[in-house]
């Protein structure tokens, strides 16, 4: 049953971890940040997990945590940027809740990512002080790989240049319809 399980997806820095707790509060639901739950379970940051054990290990842990969280009702869960790109994860999420894609343009993603060293897939570009074109190329590559999954979301919300409050209001208004849809 998809009873009040909302999954927020989107590229890294799309606003999932910021919007998630506010949306959960507005809807009277509990909030979980998948990456934070994994970090707590593993007692390491996502960057450390990627560096020490690799992406394959991370994805395995991610699926286990996601399975546990997907059994709860009355939750908003912000996913990692790549969580949805596993068909197994995608199928689990689609069958247990509603997926909301927070869409952001490559240029705005670049502005948000250009100084962040806590993003494993961009850390080398930040530390290597690469130029904007290199960043945009990698962002566009990853977006293209993930687009197939992102665009299968139950709801797509463009968050470009939109105030946080307006984005949350827009989602809250449209989510009640989604939650009450018959499967």
Protein backbone atom coordinates (compact mmCIF):
# COMPACT_ATOMS: atom_id res chain seq x y z
CA UNK A 1 0.00 0.00 0.00
CA UNK A 2 1.33 3.42 -0.94
CA UNK A 3 -0.05 5.04 2.18
CA UNK A 4 1.71 8.36 2.59
CA UNK A 5 5.17 7.43 1.44
CA UNK A 6 6.76 10.27 -0.49
CA UNK A 7 10.19 9.98 -2.08
CA UNK A 8 12.03 13.12 -3.17
CA UNK A 9 14.48 12.56 -5.99
CA UNK A 10 16.64 14.78 -8.14
CA UNK A 11 20.21 15.63 -8.86
CA UNK A 12 22.55 16.43 -5.99
CA UNK A 13 21.87 19.96 -4.64
CA UNK A 14 18.36 19.98 -6.13
CA UNK A 15 16.92 20.74 -2.68
CA UNK A 16 15.75 17.32 -1.49
CA UNK A 17 17.31 17.58 1.98
CA UNK A 18 16.13 21.16 2.41
CA UNK A 19 12.60 20.76 1.08
CA UNK A 20 12.06 17.31 2.63
CA UNK A 21 11.81 18.25 6.32
CA UNK A 22 9.70 21.33 5.56
CA UNK A 23 7.33 19.33 3.37
CA UNK A 24 7.10 16.59 6.00
CA UNK A 25 6.25 19.19 8.64
CA UNK A 26 3.58 20.80 6.44
CA UNK A 27 2.02 17.39 5.72
CA UNK A 28 2.38 16.09 9.29
CA UNK A 29 4.71 13.27 8.24
CA UNK A 30 8.05 11.99 9.50
CA UNK A 31 11.20 12.90 7.53
CA UNK A 32 14.25 10.80 6.67
CA UNK A 33 17.30 11.77 4.63
CA UNK A 34 18.55 8.52 3.09
CA UNK A 35 22.19 9.65 2.97
CA UNK A 36 22.11 10.76 6.63
CA UNK A 37 20.61 7.42 7.69
CA UNK A 38 23.36 5.60 5.77
CA UNK A 39 26.07 7.80 7.33
CA UNK A 40 24.69 7.10 10.79
CA UNK A 41 24.49 3.36 10.15
CA UNK A 42 27.99 3.18 8.66
CA UNK A 43 29.52 5.79 11.00
CA UNK A 44 31.18 7.39 7.96
CA UNK A 45 30.34 10.16 5.54
CA UNK A 46 29.16 9.30 2.05
CA UNK A 47 32.51 10.59 0.71
CA UNK A 48 34.40 8.25 3.07
CA UNK A 49 32.24 5.28 2.08
CA UNK A 50 32.87 5.96 -1.62
CA UNK A 51 36.62 6.43 -1.05
CA UNK A 52 37.18 3.47 1.27
CA UNK A 53 34.68 0.88 0.04
CA UNK A 54 33.58 2.04 -3.40
CA UNK A 55 30.30 2.87 -5.07
CA UNK A 56 29.16 -0.77 -5.38
CA UNK A 57 29.36 -1.22 -1.60
CA UNK A 58 27.55 2.09 -1.07
CA UNK A 59 24.72 1.08 -3.43
CA UNK A 60 24.31 -2.24 -1.61
CA UNK A 61 24.01 -0.49 1.77
CA UNK A 62 21.73 2.12 0.21
CA UNK A 63 19.29 -0.55 -0.99
CA UNK A 64 19.11 -2.21 2.43
CA UNK A 65 18.41 1.08 4.20
CA UNK A 66 15.90 2.04 1.52
CA UNK A 67 14.08 -1.28 1.97
CA UNK A 68 13.76 -0.65 5.71
CA UNK A 69 12.55 2.93 5.26
CA UNK A 70 10.06 1.93 2.57
CA UNK A 71 8.23 -0.23 5.11
CA UNK A 72 7.25 2.82 7.15
CA UNK A 73 4.06 4.75 6.47
CA UNK A 74 3.62 8.49 6.91
CA UNK A 75 7.08 9.48 5.70
CA UNK A 76 8.89 11.83 3.37
CA UNK A 77 12.27 10.41 2.33
CA UNK A 78 14.89 12.41 0.47
CA UNK A 79 16.93 10.11 -1.74
CA UNK A 80 20.51 10.42 -2.88
CA UNK A 81 20.96 11.83 -6.38
CA UNK A 82 21.72 8.41 -7.86
CA UNK A 83 19.38 6.26 -5.77
CA UNK A 84 16.67 6.16 -8.41
CA UNK A 85 19.03 4.96 -11.17
CA UNK A 86 19.05 1.39 -9.92
CA UNK A 87 16.12 -0.48 -11.48
CA UNK A 88 15.74 -2.45 -8.22
CA UNK A 89 15.51 0.78 -6.21
CA UNK A 90 13.18 2.34 -8.75
CA UNK A 91 10.82 -0.65 -8.67
CA UNK A 92 10.79 -0.64 -4.86
CA UNK A 93 10.02 3.08 -4.70
CA UNK A 94 7.32 2.97 -7.38
CA UNK A 95 5.60 0.06 -5.66
CA UNK A 96 5.66 1.56 -2.16
CA UNK A 97 5.07 5.29 -2.59
CA UNK A 98 4.99 8.37 -4.76
CA UNK A 99 8.13 9.83 -6.33
CA UNK A 100 8.61 13.56 -6.73
CA UNK A 101 11.41 14.78 -8.99
CA UNK A 102 12.91 18.16 -8.06
CA UNK A 103 14.21 19.34 -11.42
CA UNK A 104 17.01 21.92 -11.69
CA UNK A 105 18.81 23.23 -14.79
CA UNK A 106 22.48 22.33 -15.37
CA UNK A 107 23.52 25.98 -14.93
CA UNK A 108 21.86 26.25 -11.52
CA UNK A 109 23.30 22.88 -10.50
CA UNK A 110 26.74 24.18 -11.41
CA UNK A 111 26.26 27.26 -9.22
CA UNK A 112 25.28 25.03 -6.29
CA UNK A 113 28.02 22.42 -6.82
CA UNK A 114 31.08 24.46 -7.82
CA UNK A 115 32.45 24.79 -4.27
CA UNK A 116 31.15 21.61 -2.62
CA UNK A 117 33.76 19.01 -1.71
CA UNK A 118 31.23 16.66 -0.06
CA UNK A 119 29.93 15.33 -3.37
CA UNK A 120 31.95 12.25 -4.41
CA UNK A 121 31.13 12.55 -8.12
CA UNK A 122 32.31 16.17 -8.28
CA UNK A 123 35.01 16.29 -5.61
CA UNK A 124 37.83 15.93 -8.17
CA UNK A 125 36.51 18.87 -10.20
CA UNK A 126 36.23 21.12 -7.14
CA UNK A 127 39.63 20.19 -5.73
CA UNK A 128 41.21 20.35 -9.19
CA UNK A 129 39.74 23.82 -9.69
CA UNK A 130 38.30 22.81 -13.05
CA UNK A 131 36.47 25.31 -15.21
CA UNK A 132 32.75 25.77 -15.65
CA UNK A 133 32.66 23.87 -18.96
CA UNK A 134 34.12 20.72 -17.36
CA UNK A 135 31.55 20.91 -14.57
CA UNK A 136 28.65 21.49 -16.95
CA UNK A 137 29.77 18.61 -19.15
CA UNK A 138 29.80 16.19 -16.20
CA UNK A 139 26.46 17.50 -14.90
CA UNK A 140 24.85 17.09 -18.31
CA UNK A 141 26.31 13.57 -18.69
CA UNK A 142 24.93 12.45 -15.34
CA UNK A 143 21.58 14.14 -15.92
CA UNK A 144 21.26 12.38 -19.25
CA UNK A 145 21.99 8.99 -17.65
CA UNK A 146 19.47 9.65 -14.87
CA UNK A 147 16.77 11.37 -16.94
CA UNK A 148 15.05 8.09 -17.84
CA UNK A 149 14.40 7.41 -14.15
CA UNK A 150 13.84 10.97 -12.98
CA UNK A 151 11.19 11.61 -15.60
CA UNK A 152 9.19 8.53 -14.56
CA UNK A 153 8.41 10.26 -11.27
CA UNK A 154 4.78 10.71 -10.27
CA UNK A 155 5.30 14.47 -10.05
CA UNK A 156 7.96 16.73 -11.57
CA UNK A 157 8.56 20.11 -9.94
CA UNK A 158 10.95 22.62 -11.50
CA UNK A 159 12.77 24.32 -8.64
CA UNK A 160 14.84 26.74 -10.73
CA UNK A 161 14.70 30.27 -9.39
CA UNK A 162 11.72 29.43 -7.24
CA UNK A 163 11.58 30.44 -3.58
CA UNK A 164 11.67 27.52 -1.18
CA UNK A 165 8.26 28.31 0.30
CA UNK A 166 6.62 28.39 -3.12
CA UNK A 167 8.14 25.03 -4.04
CA UNK A 168 6.90 23.42 -0.82
CA UNK A 169 3.43 24.94 -1.30
CA UNK A 170 3.27 23.66 -4.88
CA UNK A 171 4.25 20.13 -3.81
CA UNK A 172 1.89 20.12 -0.81
CA UNK A 173 -1.07 21.16 -2.99
CA UNK A 174 -0.40 18.49 -5.59
CA UNK A 175 0.66 15.69 -3.27
CA UNK A 176 -2.73 15.14 -1.68
CA UNK A 177 -4.10 14.23 -5.10
CA UNK A 178 -1.21 11.81 -5.67
CA UNK A 179 -1.53 10.15 -2.28
CA UNK A 180 -5.24 9.62 -2.70
CA UNK A 181 -4.98 8.15 -6.21
CA UNK A 182 -6.01 4.54 -6.51
CA UNK A 183 -3.15 2.25 -7.50
